[in-house]
Amino acid sequence: MVLQRIFRAVIMGPPGSGKGTVSARIAKTFGLKHISSGDILRANIEAQTELGLLMKSCIDQGQLVPDDVMSRLILSDLRAMDQSSWLIDGFPRTVSQSEALDDAYSVDTVINLNVPFQTIKQRLSSRWTHLLSGRVYNIDFNPPKVPGFDDVTGEPLAQRDDDTPETVTRRLKAYQTQTEPVLEYYRSKGVLEIFSGTETNKIWPHVEAFLHRKLSPVKQKVA
């Protein structure tokens, strides 16, 4: 689909909500550039940029990356694609980050994937990751071609420590506490769209239909 105008969106949802899958489908169907805060973070840490080193020291000490550092990092990437339509995944995570994004860009829509926590717990315990690339597989609905091995490199997959049920419960509660104010912030601005369900393949058609409506050229009424 060729977009008639620049369109900028944020996608939100708890870990394991299918956000990565939905983001990839949006990028492919609508031609938006998919920007993952996790990918940007990893790239800066690997390249040992000034912000990357700062973030690494926060992460190594078990601290959250400060809002202003995270905002500077993401906004510098966005500035490099000023005339592009994009979809951000993993940012903003706080009201302060939302305000920093709003100061720089006008966000057209915020897509929130509302998946029950019980579903996510079951889903994450079936999740296996290729640690070097971050590629994620699910043995129930997105299995690797060869069980236990990455499709691209053939290297072994691993289950992350934070995919254990106890850790998942903690992460989900932390996510809820942190992002509830962000959802409220975007709700008050009238740009929040919530898509509820337990299966990505059933949620996706609703997201796709919504974006088609949002992005279709406005027809002028004949006087």
C-alpha atoms as a PDB file:
ATOM      1  CA  MET A   1       0.000   0.000   0.000  1.00  0.00           C
ATOM      2  CA  VAL A   2       1.403   3.405  -0.996  1.00  0.00           C
ATOM      3  CA  LEU A   3       0.662   5.951   1.715  1.00  0.00           C
ATOM      4  CA  GLN A   4      -0.780   9.312   0.669  1.00  0.00           C
ATOM      5  CA  ARG A   5       0.769  11.107   3.655  1.00  0.00           C
ATOM      6  CA  ILE A   6       3.285  10.624   6.433  1.00  0.00           C
ATOM      7  CA  PHE A   7       1.746   8.453   9.153  1.00  0.00           C
ATOM      8  CA  ARG A   8       3.256   7.862  12.571  1.00  0.00           C
ATOM      9  CA  ALA A   9       2.082   5.266  15.049  1.00  0.00           C
ATOM     10  CA  VAL A  10       3.026   3.666  18.364  1.00  0.00           C
ATOM     11  CA  ILE A  11       2.237   0.045  19.240  1.00  0.00           C
ATOM     12  CA  MET A  12       1.890  -1.036  22.865  1.00  0.00           C
ATOM     13  CA  GLY A  13       1.207  -4.318  24.599  1.00  0.00           C
ATOM     14  CA  PRO A  14       2.672  -6.416  27.403  1.00  0.00           C
ATOM     15  CA  PRO A  15       5.619  -8.767  26.774  1.00  0.00           C
ATOM     16  CA  GLY A  16       4.278 -11.790  24.900  1.00  0.00           C
ATOM     17  CA  SER A  17       1.204  -9.983  23.514  1.00  0.00           C
ATOM     18  CA  GLY A  18       2.229 -10.608  19.890  1.00  0.00           C
ATOM     19  CA  LYS A  19       3.466  -7.048  19.403  1.00  0.00           C
ATOM     20  CA  GLY A  20       6.471  -8.134  17.305  1.00  0.00           C
ATOM     21  CA  THR A  21       4.306 -10.208  14.947  1.00  0.00           C
ATOM     22  CA  VAL A  22       1.666  -7.481  14.548  1.00  0.00           C
ATOM     23  CA  SER A  23       4.382  -4.824  14.026  1.00  0.00           C
ATOM     24  CA  ALA A  24       6.009  -6.879  11.248  1.00  0.00           C
ATOM     25  CA  ARG A  25       2.626  -7.317   9.538  1.00  0.00           C
ATOM     26  CA  ILE A  26       1.853  -3.592   9.762  1.00  0.00           C
ATOM     27  CA  ALA A  27       5.282  -2.748   8.326  1.00  0.00           C
ATOM     28  CA  LYS A  28       4.802  -5.192   5.439  1.00  0.00           C
ATOM     29  CA  THR A  29       1.164  -4.326   4.653  1.00  0.00           C
ATOM     30  CA  PHE A  30       1.326  -0.551   4.997  1.00  0.00           C
ATOM     31  CA  GLY A  31       4.981   0.214   4.269  1.00  0.00           C
ATOM     32  CA  LEU A  32       5.683   1.795   7.655  1.00  0.00           C
ATOM     33  CA  LYS A  33       9.237   1.573   8.963  1.00  0.00           C
ATOM     34  CA  HIS A  34       9.207  -0.608  12.093  1.00  0.00           C
ATOM     35  CA  ILE A  35      11.333   0.937  14.835  1.00  0.00           C
ATOM     36  CA  SER A  36      12.048  -1.308  17.816  1.00  0.00           C
ATOM     37  CA  SER A  37      13.477   0.445  20.880  1.00  0.00           C
ATOM     38  CA  GLY A  38      15.124  -2.857  21.882  1.00  0.00           C
ATOM     39  CA  ASP A  39      16.952  -3.092  18.540  1.00  0.00           C
ATOM     40  CA  ILE A  40      18.152   0.530  18.809  1.00  0.00           C
ATOM     41  CA  LEU A  41      19.305  -0.092  22.376  1.00  0.00           C
ATOM     42  CA  ARG A  42      21.241  -3.239  21.387  1.00  0.00           C
ATOM     43  CA  ALA A  43      22.804  -1.542  18.336  1.00  0.00           C
ATOM     44  CA  ASN A  44      24.040   1.410  20.431  1.00  0.00           C
ATOM     45  CA  ILE A  45      25.451  -0.864  23.130  1.00  0.00           C
ATOM     46  CA  GLU A  46      27.248  -2.971  20.512  1.00  0.00           C
ATOM     47  CA  ALA A  47      28.591   0.126  18.708  1.00  0.00           C
ATOM     48  CA  GLN A  48      29.666   1.554  22.115  1.00  0.00           C
ATOM     49  CA  THR A  49      28.181   4.976  21.357  1.00  0.00           C
ATOM     50  CA  GLU A  50      28.118   7.546  24.157  1.00  0.00           C
ATOM     51  CA  LEU A  51      24.451   6.792  24.893  1.00  0.00           C
ATOM     52  CA  GLY A  52      25.067   3.059  24.450  1.00  0.00           C
ATOM     53  CA  LEU A  53      27.787   3.037  27.115  1.00  0.00           C
ATOM     54  CA  LEU A  54      25.569   5.058  29.438  1.00  0.00           C
ATOM     55  CA  MET A  55      22.713   2.595  28.973  1.00  0.00           C
ATOM     56  CA  LYS A  56      24.972  -0.428  29.419  1.00  0.00           C
ATOM     57  CA  SER A  57      26.173   0.873  32.778  1.00  0.00           C
ATOM     58  CA  CYS A  58      22.500   1.362  33.876  1.00  0.00           C
ATOM     59  CA  ILE A  59      21.547  -2.135  32.729  1.00  0.00           C
ATOM     60  CA  ASP A  60      24.646  -3.741  34.310  1.00  0.00           C
ATOM     61  CA  GLN A  61      23.708  -2.131  37.633  1.00  0.00           C
ATOM     62  CA  GLY A  62      20.117  -3.336  37.305  1.00  0.00           C
ATOM     63  CA  GLN A  63      18.793   0.212  36.904  1.00  0.00           C
ATOM     64  CA  LEU A  64      16.191   1.476  34.454  1.00  0.00           C
ATOM     65  CA  VAL A  65      17.584   3.584  31.614  1.00  0.00           C
ATOM     66  CA  PRO A  66      16.698   7.231  32.515  1.00  0.00           C
ATOM     67  CA  ASP A  67      13.804   8.740  30.516  1.00  0.00           C
ATOM     68  CA  ASP A  68      15.891  11.540  29.003  1.00  0.00           C
ATOM     69  CA  VAL A  69      18.577   9.090  27.777  1.00  0.00           C
ATOM     70  CA  MET A  70      15.985   6.760  26.227  1.00  0.00           C
ATOM     71  CA  SER A  71      14.167   9.703  24.606  1.00  0.00           C
ATOM     72  CA  ARG A  72      17.394  11.159  23.172  1.00  0.00           C
ATOM     73  CA  LEU A  73      18.304   7.773  21.756  1.00  0.00           C
ATOM     74  CA  ILE A  74      14.976   7.116  20.007  1.00  0.00           C
ATOM     75  CA  LEU A  75      14.488  10.702  18.807  1.00  0.00           C
ATOM     76  CA  SER A  76      17.935  10.770  17.231  1.00  0.00           C
ATOM     77  CA  ASP A  77      16.953   7.670  15.207  1.00  0.00           C
ATOM     78  CA  LEU A  78      13.624   9.239  14.223  1.00  0.00           C
ATOM     79  CA  ARG A  79      15.342  12.441  13.058  1.00  0.00           C
ATOM     80  CA  ALA A  80      17.317  10.326  10.577  1.00  0.00           C
ATOM     81  CA  MET A  81      14.014   9.368   8.915  1.00  0.00           C
ATOM     82  CA  ASP A  82      12.201  12.691   9.096  1.00  0.00           C
ATOM     83  CA  GLN A  83      10.088  12.237   5.982  1.00  0.00           C
ATOM     84  CA  SER A  84       9.151   8.609   6.670  1.00  0.00           C
ATOM     85  CA  SER A  85       6.068   6.938   8.062  1.00  0.00           C
ATOM     86  CA  TRP A  86       6.914   4.773  11.060  1.00  0.00           C
ATOM     87  CA  LEU A  87       5.650   2.465  13.773  1.00  0.00           C
ATOM     88  CA  ILE A  88       7.461   2.504  17.135  1.00  0.00           C
ATOM     89  CA  ASP A  89       7.495  -0.567  19.334  1.00  0.00           C
ATOM     90  CA  GLY A  90       8.766  -0.420  22.958  1.00  0.00           C
ATOM     91  CA  PHE A  91       8.723   3.377  23.273  1.00  0.00           C
ATOM     92  CA  PRO A  92       7.372   5.443  24.956  1.00  0.00           C
ATOM     93  CA  ARG A  93       7.111   3.557  28.241  1.00  0.00           C
ATOM     94  CA  THR A  94       6.520   6.500  30.581  1.00  0.00           C
ATOM     95  CA  VAL A  95       4.513   9.726  30.412  1.00  0.00           C
ATOM     96  CA  SER A  96       7.776  11.694  30.334  1.00  0.00           C
ATOM     97  CA  GLN A  97       8.908   9.742  27.237  1.00  0.00           C
ATOM     98  CA  SER A  98       5.448  10.267  25.659  1.00  0.00           C
ATOM     99  CA  GLU A  99       5.773  14.021  26.168  1.00  0.00           C
ATOM    100  CA  ALA A 100       9.278  14.037  24.650  1.00  0.00           C
ATOM    101  CA  LEU A 101       7.931  12.196  21.580  1.00  0.00           C
ATOM    102  CA  ASP A 102       4.965  14.576  21.321  1.00  0.00           C
ATOM    103  CA  ASP A 103       7.250  17.606  21.494  1.00  0.00           C
ATOM    104  CA  ALA A 104       9.091  16.336  18.412  1.00  0.00           C
ATOM    105  CA  TYR A 105       6.377  14.583  16.367  1.00  0.00           C
ATOM    106  CA  SER A 106       2.635  14.325  16.036  1.00  0.00           C
ATOM    107  CA  VAL A 107       1.566  10.723  16.731  1.00  0.00           C
ATOM    108  CA  ASP A 108      -1.437   9.741  14.576  1.00  0.00           C
ATOM    109  CA  THR A 109      -2.482   6.638  16.464  1.00  0.00           C
ATOM    110  CA  VAL A 110      -1.502   4.403  19.378  1.00  0.00           C
ATOM    111  CA  ILE A 111      -2.386   0.717  18.957  1.00  0.00           C
ATOM    112  CA  ASN A 112      -2.695  -1.169  22.244  1.00  0.00           C
ATOM    113  CA  LEU A 113      -2.842  -4.984  22.203  1.00  0.00           C
ATOM    114  CA  ASN A 114      -4.931  -6.047  25.171  1.00  0.00           C
ATOM    115  CA  VAL A 115      -4.217  -9.752  25.744  1.00  0.00           C
ATOM    116  CA  PRO A 116      -5.244 -11.487  29.032  1.00  0.00           C
ATOM    117  CA  PHE A 117      -2.285 -12.102  31.366  1.00  0.00           C
ATOM    118  CA  GLN A 118      -3.193 -15.809  31.687  1.00  0.00           C
ATOM    119  CA  THR A 119      -2.869 -16.208  27.902  1.00  0.00           C
ATOM    120  CA  ILE A 120       0.514 -14.471  27.961  1.00  0.00           C
ATOM    121  CA  LYS A 121       1.814 -16.707  30.764  1.00  0.00           C
ATOM    122  CA  GLN A 122       0.933 -19.812  28.727  1.00  0.00           C
ATOM    123  CA  ARG A 123       2.400 -18.278  25.573  1.00  0.00           C
ATOM    124  CA  LEU A 124       5.717 -17.253  27.118  1.00  0.00           C
ATOM    125  CA  SER A 125       6.379 -20.646  28.646  1.00  0.00           C
ATOM    126  CA  SER A 126       6.295 -21.969  25.035  1.00  0.00           C
ATOM    127  CA  ARG A 127       8.706 -19.274  23.849  1.00  0.00           C
ATOM    128  CA  TRP A 128      12.246 -19.979  22.626  1.00  0.00           C
ATOM    129  CA  THR A 129      14.737 -17.351  21.512  1.00  0.00           C
ATOM    130  CA  HIS A 130      17.789 -17.068  19.276  1.00  0.00           C
ATOM    131  CA  LEU A 131      19.773 -15.005  21.756  1.00  0.00           C
ATOM    132  CA  LEU A 132      22.174 -13.273  19.349  1.00  0.00           C
ATOM    133  CA  SER A 133      19.525 -11.893  16.975  1.00  0.00           C
ATOM    134  CA  GLY A 134      16.555 -11.697  19.347  1.00  0.00           C
ATOM    135  CA  ARG A 135      14.424 -13.828  16.959  1.00  0.00           C
ATOM    136  CA  VAL A 136      11.593 -15.432  18.913  1.00  0.00           C
ATOM    137  CA  TYR A 137       9.741 -18.683  18.223  1.00  0.00           C
ATOM    138  CA  ASN A 138       6.685 -20.193  19.888  1.00  0.00           C
ATOM    139  CA  ILE A 139       6.329 -23.965  19.784  1.00  0.00           C
ATOM    140  CA  ASP A 140       2.515 -23.615  19.650  1.00  0.00           C
ATOM    141  CA  PHE A 141       1.973 -21.134  16.816  1.00  0.00           C
ATOM    142  CA  ASN A 142       5.324 -20.034  15.354  1.00  0.00           C
ATOM    143  CA  PRO A 143       7.666 -23.048  15.687  1.00  0.00           C
ATOM    144  CA  PRO A 144      11.150 -23.175  14.149  1.00  0.00           C
ATOM    145  CA  LYS A 145      11.472 -25.340  11.012  1.00  0.00           C
ATOM    146  CA  VAL A 146      13.834 -27.644  12.916  1.00  0.00           C
ATOM    147  CA  PRO A 147      12.814 -28.027  16.599  1.00  0.00           C
ATOM    148  CA  GLY A 148      15.301 -26.317  18.899  1.00  0.00           C
ATOM    149  CA  PHE A 149      17.232 -24.472  16.137  1.00  0.00           C
ATOM    150  CA  ASP A 150      17.097 -20.996  14.569  1.00  0.00           C
ATOM    151  CA  ASP A 151      15.671 -20.875  11.001  1.00  0.00           C
ATOM    152  CA  VAL A 152      18.273 -18.381   9.735  1.00  0.00           C
ATOM    153  CA  THR A 153      21.562 -19.467  11.343  1.00  0.00           C
ATOM    154  CA  GLY A 154      20.813 -23.047  12.421  1.00  0.00           C
ATOM    155  CA  GLU A 155      22.166 -22.184  15.886  1.00  0.00           C
ATOM    156  CA  PRO A 156      20.513 -23.621  19.034  1.00  0.00           C
ATOM    157  CA  LEU A 157      17.587 -21.777  20.617  1.00  0.00           C
ATOM    158  CA  ALA A 158      17.362 -21.080  24.346  1.00  0.00           C
ATOM    159  CA  GLN A 159      14.604 -20.315  26.825  1.00  0.00           C
ATOM    160  CA  ARG A 160      15.248 -17.021  28.546  1.00  0.00           C
ATOM    161  CA  ASP A 161      15.275 -16.871  32.350  1.00  0.00           C
ATOM    162  CA  ASP A 162      12.623 -14.157  32.210  1.00  0.00           C
ATOM    163  CA  ASP A 163      10.180 -16.526  30.466  1.00  0.00           C
ATOM    164  CA  THR A 164       9.649 -18.606  33.633  1.00  0.00           C
ATOM    165  CA  PRO A 165       6.093 -18.296  35.097  1.00  0.00           C
ATOM    166  CA  GLU A 166       7.208 -16.416  38.268  1.00  0.00           C
ATOM    167  CA  THR A 167       9.276 -13.918  36.308  1.00  0.00           C
ATOM    168  CA  VAL A 168       6.518 -13.469  33.719  1.00  0.00           C
ATOM    169  CA  THR A 169       4.015 -12.613  36.477  1.00  0.00           C
ATOM    170  CA  ARG A 170       6.429 -10.001  37.889  1.00  0.00           C
ATOM    171  CA  ARG A 171       7.112  -8.530  34.444  1.00  0.00           C
ATOM    172  CA  LEU A 172       3.414  -8.278  33.608  1.00  0.00           C
ATOM    173  CA  LYS A 173       2.632  -6.501  36.881  1.00  0.00           C
ATOM    174  CA  ALA A 174       5.554  -4.113  36.351  1.00  0.00           C
ATOM    175  CA  TYR A 175       4.414  -3.445  32.771  1.00  0.00           C
ATOM    176  CA  GLN A 176       0.879  -2.695  33.927  1.00  0.00           C
ATOM    177  CA  THR A 177       2.050  -0.277  36.636  1.00  0.00           C
ATOM    178  CA  GLN A 178       4.441   1.515  34.284  1.00  0.00           C
ATOM    179  CA  THR A 179       2.284   1.801  31.172  1.00  0.00           C
ATOM    180  CA  GLU A 180      -1.189   2.447  32.594  1.00  0.00           C
ATOM    181  CA  PRO A 181      -0.405   6.210  32.853  1.00  0.00           C
ATOM    182  CA  VAL A 182       0.918   6.176  29.244  1.00  0.00           C
ATOM    183  CA  LEU A 183      -2.330   4.595  27.976  1.00  0.00           C
ATOM    184  CA  GLU A 184      -4.278   7.192  29.954  1.00  0.00           C
ATOM    185  CA  TYR A 185      -2.138   9.974  28.440  1.00  0.00           C
ATOM    186  CA  TYR A 186      -2.922   8.834  24.873  1.00  0.00           C
ATOM    187  CA  ARG A 187      -6.574   8.112  25.734  1.00  0.00           C
ATOM    188  CA  SER A 188      -6.943  11.720  26.852  1.00  0.00           C
ATOM    189  CA  LYS A 189      -5.480  12.861  23.507  1.00  0.00           C
ATOM    190  CA  GLY A 190      -8.031  10.755  21.600  1.00  0.00           C
ATOM    191  CA  VAL A 191      -5.470   8.675  19.677  1.00  0.00           C
ATOM    192  CA  LEU A 192      -5.630   5.370  21.633  1.00  0.00           C
ATOM    193  CA  GLU A 193      -7.128   2.309  19.886  1.00  0.00           C
ATOM    194  CA  ILE A 194      -7.457  -0.910  21.922  1.00  0.00           C
ATOM    195  CA  PHE A 195      -7.564  -4.350  20.296  1.00  0.00           C
ATOM    196  CA  SER A 196      -8.506  -7.189  22.643  1.00  0.00           C
ATOM    197  CA  GLY A 197      -8.191 -10.944  22.149  1.00  0.00           C
ATOM    198  CA  THR A 198      -6.214 -14.079  22.928  1.00  0.00           C
ATOM    199  CA  GLU A 199      -4.828 -14.919  19.461  1.00  0.00           C
ATOM    200  CA  THR A 200      -2.643 -12.713  17.282  1.00  0.00           C
ATOM    201  CA  ASN A 201      -4.209 -14.109  14.098  1.00  0.00           C
ATOM    202  CA  LYS A 202      -7.665 -13.077  15.318  1.00  0.00           C
ATOM    203  CA  ILE A 203      -6.574  -9.632  16.529  1.00  0.00           C
ATOM    204  CA  TRP A 204      -4.647  -8.821  13.334  1.00  0.00           C
ATOM    205  CA  PRO A 205      -7.655  -8.483  10.922  1.00  0.00           C
ATOM    206  CA  HIS A 206      -9.139  -5.813  13.224  1.00  0.00           C
ATOM    207  CA  VAL A 207      -5.837  -3.906  13.366  1.00  0.00           C
ATOM    208  CA  GLU A 208      -5.495  -4.177   9.580  1.00  0.00           C
ATOM    209  CA  ALA A 209      -9.071  -2.969   8.940  1.00  0.00           C
ATOM    210  CA  PHE A 210      -8.587  -0.052  11.342  1.00  0.00           C
ATOM    211  CA  LEU A 211      -5.380   1.063   9.613  1.00  0.00           C
ATOM    212  CA  HIS A 212      -6.944   0.717   6.160  1.00  0.00           C
ATOM    213  CA  ARG A 213      -9.720   3.072   7.315  1.00  0.00           C
ATOM    214  CA  LYS A 214      -7.194   5.427   8.884  1.00  0.00           C
ATOM    215  CA  LEU A 215      -4.921   5.518   5.845  1.00  0.00           C
ATOM    216  CA  SER A 216      -7.383   5.452   2.960  1.00  0.00           C
ATOM    217  CA  PRO A 217      -7.356   8.691   0.938  1.00  0.00           C
ATOM    218  CA  VAL A 218     -10.114  11.088   2.014  1.00  0.00           C
ATOM    219  CA  LYS A 219     -12.694  11.351  -0.763  1.00  0.00           C
ATOM    220  CA  GLN A 220     -13.858  14.906  -1.456  1.00  0.00           C
ATOM    221  CA  LYS A 221     -17.630  15.292  -1.419  1.00  0.00           C
ATOM    222  CA  VAL A 222     -19.042  16.650  -4.663  1.00  0.00           C
ATOM    223  CA  ALA A 223     -20.766  19.966  -4.001  1.00  0.00           C
END
